[in-house]
């Protein structure tokens, strides 16, 4: 049970990291988009 719980925690942490990376990329693109145009 503890191993499965630990696996869920790791997966959830990975999802959060991916979400933050996507959000950061979106913010950077939004900031650079006017400069490109």
C-alpha atoms as a PDB file:
ATOM      1  CA  UNK A   1       0.000   0.000   0.000  1.00  0.00           C
ATOM      2  CA  UNK A   2       2.756   2.439   0.947  1.00  0.00           C
ATOM      3  CA  UNK A   3       4.582   1.738  -2.323  1.00  0.00           C
ATOM      4  CA  UNK A   4       1.443   2.502  -4.360  1.00  0.00           C
ATOM      5  CA  UNK A   5       0.861   5.663  -2.315  1.00  0.00           C
ATOM      6  CA  UNK A   6       4.441   6.742  -2.928  1.00  0.00           C
ATOM      7  CA  UNK A   7       3.994   6.061  -6.637  1.00  0.00           C
ATOM      8  CA  UNK A   8       0.861   8.212  -6.691  1.00  0.00           C
ATOM      9  CA  UNK A   9       2.695  11.034  -4.913  1.00  0.00           C
ATOM     10  CA  UNK A  10       5.532  10.872  -7.462  1.00  0.00           C
ATOM     11  CA  UNK A  11       3.111  10.832 -10.405  1.00  0.00           C
ATOM     12  CA  UNK A  12       1.148  13.742  -8.957  1.00  0.00           C
ATOM     13  CA  UNK A  13       4.369  15.705  -8.380  1.00  0.00           C
ATOM     14  CA  UNK A  14       5.391  14.990 -11.982  1.00  0.00           C
ATOM     15  CA  UNK A  15       2.002  16.243 -13.225  1.00  0.00           C
ATOM     16  CA  UNK A  16       2.462  19.465 -11.235  1.00  0.00           C
ATOM     17  CA  UNK A  17       5.959  19.916 -12.677  1.00  0.00           C
ATOM     18  CA  UNK A  18       4.636  19.410 -16.222  1.00  0.00           C
ATOM     19  CA  UNK A  19       1.782  21.858 -15.593  1.00  0.00           C
ATOM     20  CA  UNK A  20       4.223  24.477 -14.284  1.00  0.00           C
ATOM     21  CA  UNK A  21       6.499  23.956 -17.277  1.00  0.00           C
ATOM     22  CA  UNK A  22       3.585  24.421 -19.685  1.00  0.00           C
ATOM     23  CA  UNK A  23       2.428  27.531 -17.816  1.00  0.00           C
ATOM     24  CA  UNK A  24       5.947  28.983 -17.853  1.00  0.00           C
ATOM     25  CA  UNK A  25       6.288  28.281 -21.580  1.00  0.00           C
ATOM     26  CA  UNK A  26       2.918  29.947 -22.229  1.00  0.00           C
ATOM     27  CA  UNK A  27       3.972  33.031 -20.245  1.00  0.00           C
ATOM     28  CA  UNK A  28       7.288  33.255 -22.123  1.00  0.00           C
ATOM     29  CA  UNK A  29       5.521  32.887 -25.480  1.00  0.00           C
ATOM     30  CA  UNK A  30       2.974  35.540 -24.498  1.00  0.00           C
ATOM     31  CA  UNK A  31       5.810  37.882 -23.508  1.00  0.00           C
ATOM     32  CA  UNK A  32       7.839  37.287 -26.687  1.00  0.00           C
ATOM     33  CA  UNK A  33       4.893  37.209 -29.113  1.00  0.00           C
ATOM     34  CA  UNK A  34       4.542  41.034 -29.388  1.00  0.00           C
ATOM     35  CA  UNK A  35       8.319  41.322 -29.892  1.00  0.00           C
ATOM     36  CA  UNK A  36       8.208  38.878 -32.799  1.00  0.00           C
ATOM     37  CA  UNK A  37       5.377  40.842 -34.397  1.00  0.00           C
END
